Amino acid sequence: MMSSCVTPITKGLNVPAGCILVNEKWRGSKFEKDLSAIGRGIYCDNLGIIDFYLSQLCPVVYINESELISGVSFERKLKKILETGQHHGVVIADRNNLTIKQFSELQNHCFTSKITLIPVGNVSELPQLLVQMAYVECKSPRNPFKQWKKSCDDLAARQLKLFSLIPGVGEKKAQLLLDHFGHPQSLASVPEEMFIAKLTPIIGKSSSQNVYNFFYGKNGLK
């Protein structure tokens, strides 16, 4: 499902619950077709460099492989996220064999600026991820649409399950990770050199080492 908007984006921006404001530049792409099959996108021609809004306070930019390698475009996008003055800005970027070095540098930029960074393999993963994130946004108390509460609770339960699947992390510490990071992708975006130091105050040194080994050990995910 899709619709359009032409009203200039202001501080009074209103994003309907569960919907995604999408930059007009995505219209006509495979992304538009894939998103329409699972969610609702409202296409706007006035979002500037911002690719998506999941809520008034959650701008999202996507950095593809070529932008990440060139460096110029993504620096402009990071600057724009910071200029919005919002605390829920999100960067989604391609992480693959060609962008490992650049993604690591981007991690450091985002971590220093307190911007959430979520890795994806490529643009085909965007629609499902954005729809899930839009459900998470509906948990905010500023959103009056209670009909989304069950979907949000279901998603939180699935995320808790994912955290608890990490070896050495029980349900209690999985809940602590969920409360702090919100979703597994945020945990995965913590730079390797800061990983244990970041997690130790939350779940303790021993558990932090277990989580580190899960992501970065010899048989880890990364």
N, C-alpha and C. Protein backbone atom coordinates (compact mmCIF):
# COMPACT_ATOMS: atom_id res chain seq x y z
N MET A 1 0.84 -1.18 0.00
CA MET A 1 0.00 0.00 0.00
C MET A 1 0.88 1.24 0.00
N MET A 2 0.51 2.27 -0.78
CA MET A 2 1.33 3.47 -0.82
C MET A 2 0.46 4.68 -1.06
N SER A 3 0.97 5.85 -0.67
CA SER A 3 0.31 7.12 -0.93
C SER A 3 1.38 8.17 -1.05
N SER A 4 0.98 9.42 -1.28
CA SER A 4 1.95 10.48 -1.49
C SER A 4 1.67 11.66 -0.59
N CYS A 5 2.71 12.47 -0.37
CA CYS A 5 2.53 13.72 0.37
C CYS A 5 3.42 14.78 -0.27
N VAL A 6 2.95 16.02 -0.23
CA VAL A 6 3.73 17.13 -0.77
C VAL A 6 3.87 18.26 0.23
N THR A 7 3.28 18.11 1.41
CA THR A 7 3.37 19.15 2.44
C THR A 7 4.80 19.23 2.95
N PRO A 8 5.39 20.45 3.04
CA PRO A 8 6.76 20.57 3.52
C PRO A 8 6.94 19.93 4.89
N ILE A 9 8.07 19.25 5.10
CA ILE A 9 8.35 18.61 6.37
C ILE A 9 8.73 19.67 7.39
N THR A 10 8.07 19.66 8.53
CA THR A 10 8.32 20.63 9.58
C THR A 10 8.49 19.90 10.90
N LYS A 11 8.66 20.68 11.98
CA LYS A 11 8.77 20.08 13.30
C LYS A 11 7.48 19.40 13.70
N GLY A 12 6.38 19.73 13.04
CA GLY A 12 5.10 19.13 13.35
C GLY A 12 4.82 17.89 12.52
N LEU A 13 5.85 17.33 11.92
CA LEU A 13 5.71 16.13 11.09
C LEU A 13 4.92 15.05 11.82
N ASN A 14 3.93 14.48 11.13
CA ASN A 14 3.11 13.42 11.72
C ASN A 14 3.22 12.17 10.87
N VAL A 15 3.68 11.09 11.48
CA VAL A 15 3.78 9.81 10.78
C VAL A 15 2.76 8.86 11.39
N PRO A 16 1.75 8.43 10.62
CA PRO A 16 0.74 7.51 11.16
C PRO A 16 1.38 6.24 11.73
N ALA A 17 0.78 5.71 12.78
CA ALA A 17 1.33 4.52 13.44
C ALA A 17 1.53 3.37 12.46
N GLY A 18 2.72 2.77 12.50
CA GLY A 18 3.01 1.63 11.66
C GLY A 18 3.35 1.96 10.23
N CYS A 19 3.27 3.24 9.86
CA CYS A 19 3.58 3.65 8.49
C CYS A 19 5.03 4.12 8.39
N ILE A 20 5.51 4.24 7.18
CA ILE A 20 6.87 4.70 6.92
C ILE A 20 6.82 5.81 5.89
N LEU A 21 7.35 6.99 6.24
CA LEU A 21 7.51 8.03 5.24
C LEU A 21 8.72 7.69 4.40
N VAL A 22 8.57 7.69 3.09
CA VAL A 22 9.63 7.25 2.18
C VAL A 22 9.98 8.38 1.22
N ASN A 23 11.27 8.63 1.04
CA ASN A 23 11.72 9.62 0.09
C ASN A 23 11.25 9.25 -1.32
N GLU A 24 10.78 10.25 -2.05
CA GLU A 24 10.23 10.04 -3.38
C GLU A 24 11.21 9.33 -4.32
N LYS A 25 12.51 9.48 -4.04
CA LYS A 25 13.51 8.87 -4.93
C LYS A 25 13.41 7.35 -4.99
N TRP A 26 12.73 6.74 -3.99
CA TRP A 26 12.58 5.29 -3.98
C TRP A 26 11.40 4.81 -4.82
N ARG A 27 10.56 5.74 -5.29
CA ARG A 27 9.39 5.34 -6.07
C ARG A 27 9.83 4.71 -7.40
N GLY A 28 9.16 3.64 -7.77
CA GLY A 28 9.47 2.96 -9.02
C GLY A 28 10.57 1.92 -8.90
N SER A 29 11.13 1.79 -7.71
CA SER A 29 12.21 0.82 -7.50
C SER A 29 11.64 -0.52 -7.02
N LYS A 30 12.49 -1.53 -6.98
CA LYS A 30 12.07 -2.82 -6.45
C LYS A 30 11.73 -2.69 -4.97
N PHE A 31 12.41 -1.77 -4.29
CA PHE A 31 12.12 -1.52 -2.88
C PHE A 31 10.65 -1.15 -2.70
N GLU A 32 10.12 -0.28 -3.57
CA GLU A 32 8.72 0.14 -3.47
C GLU A 32 7.79 -1.07 -3.58
N LYS A 33 8.07 -1.94 -4.52
CA LYS A 33 7.24 -3.13 -4.71
C LYS A 33 7.30 -4.05 -3.50
N ASP A 34 8.51 -4.26 -2.99
CA ASP A 34 8.68 -5.16 -1.84
C ASP A 34 8.04 -4.59 -0.58
N LEU A 35 8.17 -3.28 -0.37
CA LEU A 35 7.58 -2.65 0.81
C LEU A 35 6.06 -2.71 0.76
N SER A 36 5.49 -2.48 -0.42
CA SER A 36 4.03 -2.46 -0.54
C SER A 36 3.42 -3.83 -0.24
N ALA A 37 4.22 -4.89 -0.35
CA ALA A 37 3.71 -6.24 -0.10
C ALA A 37 3.60 -6.55 1.38
N ILE A 38 4.33 -5.81 2.23
CA ILE A 38 4.34 -6.13 3.66
C ILE A 38 4.02 -4.96 4.58
N GLY A 39 3.98 -3.75 4.04
CA GLY A 39 3.73 -2.59 4.90
C GLY A 39 3.18 -1.42 4.11
N ARG A 40 3.07 -0.28 4.77
CA ARG A 40 2.52 0.91 4.12
C ARG A 40 3.57 2.00 4.05
N GLY A 41 3.89 2.43 2.83
CA GLY A 41 4.82 3.52 2.63
C GLY A 41 4.10 4.76 2.13
N ILE A 42 4.39 5.90 2.72
CA ILE A 42 3.85 7.19 2.29
C ILE A 42 4.99 7.95 1.63
N TYR A 43 4.92 8.16 0.32
CA TYR A 43 6.03 8.72 -0.43
C TYR A 43 5.97 10.24 -0.44
N CYS A 44 7.09 10.87 -0.10
CA CYS A 44 7.17 12.33 0.01
C CYS A 44 8.35 12.85 -0.81
N ASP A 45 8.14 14.00 -1.46
CA ASP A 45 9.20 14.56 -2.30
C ASP A 45 9.97 15.67 -1.59
N ASN A 46 9.84 15.76 -0.27
CA ASN A 46 10.46 16.87 0.45
C ASN A 46 11.26 16.41 1.67
N LEU A 47 11.78 15.20 1.64
CA LEU A 47 12.54 14.70 2.78
C LEU A 47 14.02 15.02 2.68
N GLY A 48 14.42 15.62 1.55
CA GLY A 48 15.82 15.98 1.40
C GLY A 48 16.70 14.74 1.33
N ILE A 49 17.76 14.73 2.14
CA ILE A 49 18.72 13.63 2.12
C ILE A 49 18.28 12.46 2.99
N ILE A 50 17.25 12.68 3.83
CA ILE A 50 16.72 11.61 4.68
C ILE A 50 15.93 10.63 3.82
N ASP A 51 16.19 9.35 3.99
CA ASP A 51 15.51 8.33 3.18
C ASP A 51 14.14 7.96 3.73
N PHE A 52 14.03 7.85 5.06
CA PHE A 52 12.78 7.39 5.68
C PHE A 52 12.56 8.09 7.02
N TYR A 53 11.29 8.17 7.41
CA TYR A 53 10.91 8.54 8.77
C TYR A 53 10.00 7.44 9.30
N LEU A 54 10.38 6.85 10.44
CA LEU A 54 9.54 5.85 11.08
C LEU A 54 8.59 6.49 12.08
N SER A 55 8.94 7.70 12.51
CA SER A 55 8.11 8.52 13.39
C SER A 55 8.65 9.93 13.27
N GLN A 56 8.00 10.87 13.93
CA GLN A 56 8.47 12.26 13.88
C GLN A 56 9.90 12.38 14.38
N LEU A 57 10.27 11.52 15.32
CA LEU A 57 11.58 11.62 15.96
C LEU A 57 12.56 10.55 15.50
N CYS A 58 12.24 9.84 14.43
CA CYS A 58 13.13 8.75 14.00
C CYS A 58 13.43 8.83 12.50
N PRO A 59 14.37 9.70 12.10
CA PRO A 59 14.81 9.73 10.71
C PRO A 59 15.77 8.58 10.44
N VAL A 60 15.73 8.06 9.24
CA VAL A 60 16.59 6.93 8.86
C VAL A 60 17.27 7.25 7.53
N VAL A 61 18.57 7.00 7.46
CA VAL A 61 19.27 7.10 6.18
C VAL A 61 19.86 5.74 5.83
N TYR A 62 19.89 5.45 4.54
CA TYR A 62 20.46 4.19 4.05
C TYR A 62 21.73 4.51 3.27
N ILE A 63 22.80 3.81 3.59
CA ILE A 63 24.08 3.99 2.90
C ILE A 63 24.42 2.71 2.16
N ASN A 64 24.39 2.78 0.83
CA ASN A 64 24.64 1.57 0.05
C ASN A 64 26.15 1.34 -0.13
N GLU A 65 26.47 0.27 -0.79
CA GLU A 65 27.87 -0.14 -0.94
C GLU A 65 28.73 0.95 -1.58
N SER A 66 28.27 1.53 -2.69
CA SER A 66 29.07 2.53 -3.39
C SER A 66 29.24 3.79 -2.56
N GLU A 67 28.20 4.21 -1.84
CA GLU A 67 28.31 5.39 -0.98
C GLU A 67 29.28 5.15 0.16
N LEU A 68 29.24 3.95 0.71
CA LEU A 68 30.12 3.62 1.83
C LEU A 68 31.58 3.62 1.38
N ILE A 69 31.84 3.09 0.20
CA ILE A 69 33.22 3.04 -0.31
C ILE A 69 33.73 4.43 -0.66
N SER A 70 32.88 5.27 -1.26
CA SER A 70 33.30 6.62 -1.64
C SER A 70 33.49 7.53 -0.44
N GLY A 71 32.65 7.35 0.58
CA GLY A 71 32.79 8.12 1.81
C GLY A 71 32.12 9.47 1.79
N VAL A 72 32.07 10.14 0.64
CA VAL A 72 31.56 11.50 0.57
C VAL A 72 30.08 11.57 0.89
N SER A 73 29.28 10.74 0.25
CA SER A 73 27.83 10.79 0.43
C SER A 73 27.42 10.45 1.85
N PHE A 74 28.05 9.45 2.44
CA PHE A 74 27.60 9.03 3.76
C PHE A 74 27.95 10.06 4.83
N GLU A 75 29.03 10.82 4.63
CA GLU A 75 29.36 11.88 5.59
C GLU A 75 28.28 12.96 5.58
N ARG A 76 27.74 13.26 4.41
CA ARG A 76 26.65 14.23 4.31
C ARG A 76 25.41 13.72 5.03
N LYS A 77 25.14 12.42 4.88
CA LYS A 77 23.96 11.84 5.51
C LYS A 77 24.10 11.82 7.03
N LEU A 78 25.29 11.49 7.53
CA LEU A 78 25.50 11.51 8.98
C LEU A 78 25.32 12.91 9.53
N LYS A 79 25.84 13.89 8.81
CA LYS A 79 25.70 15.28 9.24
C LYS A 79 24.24 15.68 9.32
N LYS A 80 23.45 15.24 8.34
CA LYS A 80 22.03 15.58 8.31
C LYS A 80 21.29 14.94 9.48
N ILE A 81 21.62 13.67 9.80
CA ILE A 81 21.00 13.01 10.94
C ILE A 81 21.26 13.80 12.21
N LEU A 82 22.50 14.27 12.39
CA LEU A 82 22.86 15.03 13.59
C LEU A 82 22.14 16.38 13.60
N GLU A 83 21.96 16.97 12.42
CA GLU A 83 21.30 18.28 12.34
C GLU A 83 19.82 18.21 12.69
N THR A 84 19.22 17.03 12.58
CA THR A 84 17.81 16.92 12.93
C THR A 84 17.59 17.12 14.42
N GLY A 85 18.66 16.92 15.21
CA GLY A 85 18.55 17.12 16.65
C GLY A 85 17.75 16.05 17.35
N GLN A 86 17.49 14.93 16.66
CA GLN A 86 16.69 13.86 17.26
C GLN A 86 17.60 12.83 17.91
N HIS A 87 17.08 12.12 18.90
CA HIS A 87 17.86 11.11 19.60
C HIS A 87 17.61 9.71 19.05
N HIS A 88 16.72 9.59 18.06
CA HIS A 88 16.37 8.28 17.54
C HIS A 88 16.81 8.09 16.10
N GLY A 89 17.76 8.92 15.64
CA GLY A 89 18.25 8.79 14.28
C GLY A 89 18.93 7.45 14.06
N VAL A 90 18.70 6.87 12.88
CA VAL A 90 19.24 5.54 12.57
C VAL A 90 19.94 5.56 11.22
N VAL A 91 21.08 4.89 11.16
CA VAL A 91 21.79 4.68 9.90
C VAL A 91 21.77 3.19 9.58
N ILE A 92 21.35 2.86 8.37
CA ILE A 92 21.38 1.48 7.89
C ILE A 92 22.40 1.43 6.76
N ALA A 93 23.34 0.50 6.83
CA ALA A 93 24.41 0.48 5.83
C ALA A 93 24.73 -0.94 5.38
N ASP A 94 25.19 -1.05 4.12
CA ASP A 94 25.60 -2.34 3.58
C ASP A 94 26.90 -2.80 4.22
N ARG A 95 26.89 -4.01 4.75
CA ARG A 95 28.12 -4.61 5.27
C ARG A 95 28.35 -5.93 4.53
N ASN A 96 29.40 -5.95 3.70
CA ASN A 96 29.73 -7.16 2.96
C ASN A 96 31.25 -7.26 2.83
N ASN A 97 31.73 -8.19 2.04
CA ASN A 97 33.17 -8.40 1.92
C ASN A 97 33.90 -7.19 1.35
N LEU A 98 33.19 -6.36 0.59
CA LEU A 98 33.82 -5.19 -0.03
C LEU A 98 33.82 -3.97 0.88
N THR A 99 32.99 -3.99 1.92
CA THR A 99 32.84 -2.78 2.74
C THR A 99 33.24 -2.97 4.21
N ILE A 100 33.93 -4.06 4.52
CA ILE A 100 34.26 -4.33 5.93
C ILE A 100 35.05 -3.18 6.55
N LYS A 101 36.07 -2.69 5.86
CA LYS A 101 36.91 -1.61 6.39
C LYS A 101 36.09 -0.33 6.55
N GLN A 102 35.35 0.04 5.50
CA GLN A 102 34.56 1.27 5.56
C GLN A 102 33.45 1.18 6.59
N PHE A 103 32.85 -0.01 6.73
CA PHE A 103 31.79 -0.18 7.72
C PHE A 103 32.34 -0.01 9.13
N SER A 104 33.54 -0.51 9.37
CA SER A 104 34.17 -0.36 10.68
C SER A 104 34.40 1.12 11.00
N GLU A 105 34.83 1.89 10.00
CA GLU A 105 35.03 3.33 10.19
C GLU A 105 33.69 4.01 10.47
N LEU A 106 32.66 3.58 9.75
CA LEU A 106 31.33 4.14 9.98
C LEU A 106 30.84 3.81 11.38
N GLN A 107 31.13 2.60 11.86
CA GLN A 107 30.77 2.21 13.23
C GLN A 107 31.33 3.20 14.23
N ASN A 108 32.60 3.54 14.06
CA ASN A 108 33.24 4.45 14.99
C ASN A 108 32.59 5.83 14.96
N HIS A 109 32.26 6.31 13.75
CA HIS A 109 31.58 7.60 13.61
C HIS A 109 30.24 7.58 14.34
N CYS A 110 29.47 6.54 14.09
CA CYS A 110 28.13 6.44 14.68
C CYS A 110 28.20 6.26 16.19
N PHE A 111 29.14 5.45 16.65
CA PHE A 111 29.27 5.21 18.09
C PHE A 111 29.63 6.50 18.81
N THR A 112 30.57 7.26 18.25
CA THR A 112 30.98 8.53 18.85
C THR A 112 29.83 9.53 18.87
N SER A 113 29.02 9.52 17.81
CA SER A 113 27.90 10.47 17.70
C SER A 113 26.61 9.96 18.33
N LYS A 114 26.66 8.74 18.90
CA LYS A 114 25.49 8.12 19.54
C LYS A 114 24.34 7.94 18.55
N ILE A 115 24.70 7.52 17.34
CA ILE A 115 23.72 7.21 16.30
C ILE A 115 23.64 5.69 16.16
N THR A 116 22.44 5.16 16.11
CA THR A 116 22.28 3.72 15.93
C THR A 116 22.66 3.31 14.51
N LEU A 117 23.50 2.30 14.40
CA LEU A 117 23.92 1.78 13.09
C LEU A 117 23.47 0.33 12.97
N ILE A 118 22.78 0.02 11.88
CA ILE A 118 22.29 -1.34 11.64
C ILE A 118 22.86 -1.86 10.33
N PRO A 119 23.56 -2.99 10.35
CA PRO A 119 24.11 -3.55 9.12
C PRO A 119 23.08 -4.39 8.36
N VAL A 120 23.13 -4.31 7.04
CA VAL A 120 22.33 -5.19 6.18
C VAL A 120 23.24 -5.73 5.09
N GLY A 121 22.84 -6.83 4.49
CA GLY A 121 23.63 -7.39 3.40
C GLY A 121 23.52 -6.56 2.13
N ASN A 122 22.29 -6.12 1.84
CA ASN A 122 22.04 -5.28 0.67
C ASN A 122 20.64 -4.68 0.78
N VAL A 123 20.25 -3.94 -0.23
CA VAL A 123 18.99 -3.19 -0.18
C VAL A 123 17.76 -4.09 -0.09
N SER A 124 17.87 -5.33 -0.51
CA SER A 124 16.71 -6.23 -0.48
C SER A 124 16.24 -6.51 0.94
N GLU A 125 17.11 -6.30 1.93
CA GLU A 125 16.75 -6.54 3.32
C GLU A 125 16.04 -5.34 3.96
N LEU A 126 16.03 -4.21 3.27
CA LEU A 126 15.47 -2.98 3.84
C LEU A 126 13.99 -3.04 4.18
N PRO A 127 13.11 -3.47 3.27
CA PRO A 127 11.67 -3.41 3.56
C PRO A 127 11.28 -4.12 4.85
N GLN A 128 11.72 -5.37 5.03
CA GLN A 128 11.36 -6.13 6.22
C GLN A 128 11.90 -5.46 7.48
N LEU A 129 13.14 -4.98 7.41
CA LEU A 129 13.75 -4.33 8.57
C LEU A 129 13.00 -3.06 8.95
N LEU A 130 12.64 -2.25 7.97
CA LEU A 130 11.94 -0.99 8.25
C LEU A 130 10.56 -1.24 8.85
N VAL A 131 9.86 -2.25 8.34
CA VAL A 131 8.54 -2.57 8.88
C VAL A 131 8.66 -2.99 10.34
N GLN A 132 9.66 -3.82 10.66
CA GLN A 132 9.88 -4.23 12.04
C GLN A 132 10.21 -3.04 12.93
N MET A 133 11.04 -2.15 12.42
CA MET A 133 11.42 -0.97 13.20
C MET A 133 10.23 -0.04 13.43
N ALA A 134 9.35 0.05 12.43
CA ALA A 134 8.15 0.87 12.59
C ALA A 134 7.27 0.33 13.70
N TYR A 135 7.19 -0.99 13.83
CA TYR A 135 6.44 -1.60 14.93
C TYR A 135 7.07 -1.25 16.28
N VAL A 136 8.40 -1.26 16.33
CA VAL A 136 9.09 -0.91 17.57
C VAL A 136 8.78 0.53 17.97
N GLU A 137 8.76 1.42 16.99
CA GLU A 137 8.48 2.82 17.27
C GLU A 137 7.11 3.01 17.91
N CYS A 138 6.16 2.12 17.60
CA CYS A 138 4.81 2.29 18.13
C CYS A 138 4.74 2.05 19.63
N LYS A 139 5.82 1.55 20.23
CA LYS A 139 5.83 1.36 21.68
C LYS A 139 5.96 2.68 22.43
N SER A 140 6.39 3.73 21.71
CA SER A 140 6.61 5.02 22.36
C SER A 140 5.31 5.57 22.94
N PRO A 141 5.34 6.18 24.14
CA PRO A 141 4.13 6.73 24.75
C PRO A 141 3.54 7.90 23.99
N ARG A 142 4.34 8.48 23.05
CA ARG A 142 3.79 9.60 22.29
C ARG A 142 2.82 9.14 21.21
N ASN A 143 2.76 7.82 21.00
CA ASN A 143 1.91 7.27 19.95
C ASN A 143 0.59 6.79 20.55
N PRO A 144 -0.54 7.36 20.16
CA PRO A 144 -1.82 7.03 20.77
C PRO A 144 -2.54 5.83 20.17
N PHE A 145 -1.96 5.20 19.15
CA PHE A 145 -2.69 4.15 18.45
C PHE A 145 -2.48 2.81 19.13
N LYS A 146 -3.37 2.45 20.03
CA LYS A 146 -3.20 1.27 20.87
C LYS A 146 -3.36 -0.03 20.09
N GLN A 147 -3.92 0.05 18.89
CA GLN A 147 -4.14 -1.19 18.16
C GLN A 147 -2.82 -1.85 17.75
N TRP A 148 -1.73 -1.10 17.84
CA TRP A 148 -0.44 -1.67 17.47
C TRP A 148 0.27 -2.33 18.65
N LYS A 149 -0.28 -2.22 19.85
CA LYS A 149 0.43 -2.68 21.04
C LYS A 149 0.78 -4.17 20.97
N LYS A 150 -0.16 -4.99 20.54
CA LYS A 150 0.11 -6.43 20.49
C LYS A 150 1.25 -6.74 19.54
N SER A 151 1.29 -6.08 18.38
CA SER A 151 2.37 -6.32 17.43
C SER A 151 3.71 -5.94 18.04
N CYS A 152 3.73 -4.82 18.78
CA CYS A 152 4.97 -4.37 19.41
C CYS A 152 5.43 -5.36 20.46
N ASP A 153 4.48 -5.84 21.28
CA ASP A 153 4.82 -6.79 22.33
C ASP A 153 5.35 -8.09 21.74
N ASP A 154 4.74 -8.53 20.64
CA ASP A 154 5.19 -9.76 19.98
C ASP A 154 6.62 -9.60 19.46
N LEU A 155 6.92 -8.42 18.88
CA LEU A 155 8.25 -8.17 18.36
C LEU A 155 9.27 -8.14 19.48
N ALA A 156 8.92 -7.49 20.61
CA ALA A 156 9.83 -7.43 21.76
C ALA A 156 10.14 -8.82 22.28
N ALA A 157 9.13 -9.69 22.30
CA ALA A 157 9.33 -11.07 22.76
C ALA A 157 10.28 -11.82 21.83
N ARG A 158 10.16 -11.58 20.52
CA ARG A 158 11.06 -12.25 19.57
C ARG A 158 12.49 -11.75 19.74
N GLN A 159 12.62 -10.44 19.98
CA GLN A 159 13.96 -9.88 20.17
C GLN A 159 14.60 -10.41 21.45
N LEU A 160 13.80 -10.54 22.51
CA LEU A 160 14.31 -11.10 23.76
C LEU A 160 14.80 -12.53 23.53
N LYS A 161 14.06 -13.28 22.73
CA LYS A 161 14.45 -14.65 22.42
C LYS A 161 15.78 -14.68 21.68
N LEU A 162 15.98 -13.74 20.76
CA LEU A 162 17.23 -13.69 20.01
C LEU A 162 18.41 -13.41 20.94
N PHE A 163 18.23 -12.45 21.86
CA PHE A 163 19.30 -12.15 22.82
C PHE A 163 19.61 -13.37 23.68
N SER A 164 18.58 -14.09 24.11
CA SER A 164 18.78 -15.23 25.01
C SER A 164 19.43 -16.42 24.32
N LEU A 165 19.44 -16.44 22.99
CA LEU A 165 20.08 -17.52 22.25
C LEU A 165 21.61 -17.40 22.23
N ILE A 166 22.13 -16.23 22.61
CA ILE A 166 23.58 -16.04 22.66
C ILE A 166 24.14 -16.91 23.79
N PRO A 167 25.12 -17.75 23.53
CA PRO A 167 25.68 -18.62 24.57
C PRO A 167 26.14 -17.82 25.79
N GLY A 168 25.77 -18.30 26.98
CA GLY A 168 26.18 -17.63 28.21
C GLY A 168 25.30 -16.49 28.63
N VAL A 169 24.23 -16.24 27.88
CA VAL A 169 23.29 -15.16 28.22
C VAL A 169 21.94 -15.78 28.57
N GLY A 170 21.58 -15.72 29.83
CA GLY A 170 20.28 -16.23 30.25
C GLY A 170 19.19 -15.21 30.04
N GLU A 171 17.98 -15.54 30.48
CA GLU A 171 16.84 -14.65 30.25
C GLU A 171 17.00 -13.30 30.94
N LYS A 172 17.55 -13.30 32.16
CA LYS A 172 17.70 -12.04 32.90
C LYS A 172 18.65 -11.10 32.19
N LYS A 173 19.81 -11.61 31.77
CA LYS A 173 20.78 -10.75 31.09
C LYS A 173 20.33 -10.42 29.67
N ALA A 174 19.56 -11.31 29.07
CA ALA A 174 18.99 -11.01 27.75
C ALA A 174 18.04 -9.82 27.86
N GLN A 175 17.28 -9.75 28.96
CA GLN A 175 16.37 -8.63 29.17
C GLN A 175 17.16 -7.34 29.37
N LEU A 176 18.30 -7.42 30.07
CA LEU A 176 19.14 -6.24 30.27
C LEU A 176 19.68 -5.74 28.94
N LEU A 177 20.09 -6.66 28.07
CA LEU A 177 20.58 -6.28 26.75
C LEU A 177 19.46 -5.67 25.91
N LEU A 178 18.28 -6.25 26.00
CA LEU A 178 17.13 -5.72 25.26
C LEU A 178 16.79 -4.32 25.73
N ASP A 179 16.78 -4.11 27.06
CA ASP A 179 16.46 -2.80 27.61
C ASP A 179 17.47 -1.74 27.18
N HIS A 180 18.74 -2.15 27.09
CA HIS A 180 19.79 -1.17 26.78
C HIS A 180 19.92 -0.90 25.28
N PHE A 181 19.89 -1.98 24.47
CA PHE A 181 20.16 -1.82 23.04
C PHE A 181 18.91 -1.77 22.18
N GLY A 182 17.78 -2.27 22.69
CA GLY A 182 16.54 -2.20 21.92
C GLY A 182 16.35 -3.34 20.94
N HIS A 183 17.38 -3.69 20.19
CA HIS A 183 17.29 -4.80 19.25
C HIS A 183 18.69 -5.33 18.97
N PRO A 184 18.83 -6.58 18.56
CA PRO A 184 20.14 -7.19 18.36
C PRO A 184 21.04 -6.43 17.40
N GLN A 185 20.45 -5.74 16.39
CA GLN A 185 21.28 -5.03 15.44
C GLN A 185 22.10 -3.93 16.09
N SER A 186 21.53 -3.27 17.12
CA SER A 186 22.27 -2.22 17.82
C SER A 186 23.47 -2.80 18.56
N LEU A 187 23.28 -3.97 19.16
CA LEU A 187 24.39 -4.65 19.84
C LEU A 187 25.47 -4.99 18.83
N ALA A 188 25.06 -5.47 17.67
CA ALA A 188 26.03 -5.86 16.64
C ALA A 188 26.80 -4.67 16.08
N SER A 189 26.28 -3.46 16.25
CA SER A 189 26.93 -2.27 15.69
C SER A 189 28.01 -1.70 16.60
N VAL A 190 28.14 -2.22 17.84
CA VAL A 190 29.19 -1.75 18.74
C VAL A 190 30.55 -2.16 18.18
N PRO A 191 31.49 -1.21 17.99
CA PRO A 191 32.81 -1.55 17.45
C PRO A 191 33.52 -2.61 18.27
N GLU A 192 34.27 -3.48 17.61
CA GLU A 192 34.93 -4.60 18.29
C GLU A 192 35.81 -4.14 19.43
N GLU A 193 36.58 -3.05 19.21
CA GLU A 193 37.53 -2.63 20.23
C GLU A 193 36.85 -2.04 21.47
N MET A 194 35.56 -1.71 21.37
CA MET A 194 34.82 -1.15 22.50
C MET A 194 33.81 -2.14 23.08
N PHE A 195 33.73 -3.32 22.47
CA PHE A 195 32.64 -4.25 22.76
C PHE A 195 32.57 -4.65 24.24
N ILE A 196 33.64 -5.21 24.77
CA ILE A 196 33.62 -5.70 26.16
C ILE A 196 33.44 -4.56 27.15
N ALA A 197 34.13 -3.44 26.91
CA ALA A 197 34.00 -2.28 27.80
C ALA A 197 32.58 -1.74 27.83
N LYS A 198 31.90 -1.81 26.68
CA LYS A 198 30.53 -1.32 26.59
C LYS A 198 29.56 -2.25 27.32
N LEU A 199 29.79 -3.56 27.22
CA LEU A 199 28.84 -4.52 27.79
C LEU A 199 29.07 -4.82 29.27
N THR A 200 30.31 -4.70 29.74
CA THR A 200 30.63 -5.09 31.12
C THR A 200 29.75 -4.41 32.17
N PRO A 201 29.50 -3.09 32.09
CA PRO A 201 28.64 -2.45 33.10
C PRO A 201 27.19 -2.95 33.06
N ILE A 202 26.80 -3.58 31.95
CA ILE A 202 25.42 -4.02 31.77
C ILE A 202 25.21 -5.45 32.24
N ILE A 203 26.10 -6.36 31.82
CA ILE A 203 25.90 -7.79 32.13
C ILE A 203 27.09 -8.45 32.81
N GLY A 204 28.13 -7.67 33.13
CA GLY A 204 29.29 -8.25 33.80
C GLY A 204 30.37 -8.69 32.82
N LYS A 205 31.60 -8.82 33.32
CA LYS A 205 32.74 -9.10 32.45
C LYS A 205 32.67 -10.49 31.83
N SER A 206 32.31 -11.50 32.63
CA SER A 206 32.28 -12.88 32.12
C SER A 206 31.27 -13.04 30.99
N SER A 207 30.06 -12.54 31.20
CA SER A 207 29.03 -12.64 30.16
C SER A 207 29.39 -11.80 28.94
N SER A 208 30.04 -10.65 29.19
CA SER A 208 30.46 -9.80 28.08
C SER A 208 31.46 -10.53 27.19
N GLN A 209 32.36 -11.29 27.82
CA GLN A 209 33.33 -12.06 27.05
C GLN A 209 32.64 -13.14 26.22
N ASN A 210 31.60 -13.76 26.79
CA ASN A 210 30.84 -14.77 26.04
C ASN A 210 30.17 -14.17 24.82
N VAL A 211 29.59 -12.99 24.99
CA VAL A 211 28.92 -12.32 23.87
C VAL A 211 29.95 -11.91 22.82
N TYR A 212 31.09 -11.41 23.29
CA TYR A 212 32.17 -11.03 22.36
C TYR A 212 32.60 -12.23 21.52
N ASN A 213 32.79 -13.37 22.18
CA ASN A 213 33.20 -14.58 21.46
C ASN A 213 32.15 -15.01 20.45
N PHE A 214 30.88 -14.77 20.78
CA PHE A 214 29.79 -15.13 19.88
C PHE A 214 29.88 -14.33 18.58
N PHE A 215 30.23 -13.05 18.70
CA PHE A 215 30.30 -12.18 17.52
C PHE A 215 31.68 -12.20 16.85
N TYR A 216 32.73 -12.18 17.66
CA TYR A 216 34.07 -11.95 17.11
C TYR A 216 35.05 -13.10 17.32
N GLY A 217 34.65 -14.18 18.02
CA GLY A 217 35.56 -15.30 18.24
C GLY A 217 35.88 -16.06 16.97
N LYS A 218 36.68 -17.10 17.10
CA LYS A 218 37.13 -17.88 15.94
C LYS A 218 35.97 -18.40 15.12
N ASN A 219 34.92 -18.80 15.79
CA ASN A 219 33.73 -19.32 15.09
C ASN A 219 32.55 -18.37 15.21
N GLY A 220 32.87 -17.08 15.44
CA GLY A 220 31.82 -16.09 15.65
C GLY A 220 31.11 -15.69 14.37
N LEU A 221 30.15 -14.77 14.52
CA LEU A 221 29.34 -14.34 13.38
C LEU A 221 30.10 -13.43 12.44
N LYS A 222 31.10 -12.69 12.98
CA LYS A 222 31.76 -11.68 12.14
C LYS A 222 33.15 -12.13 11.71
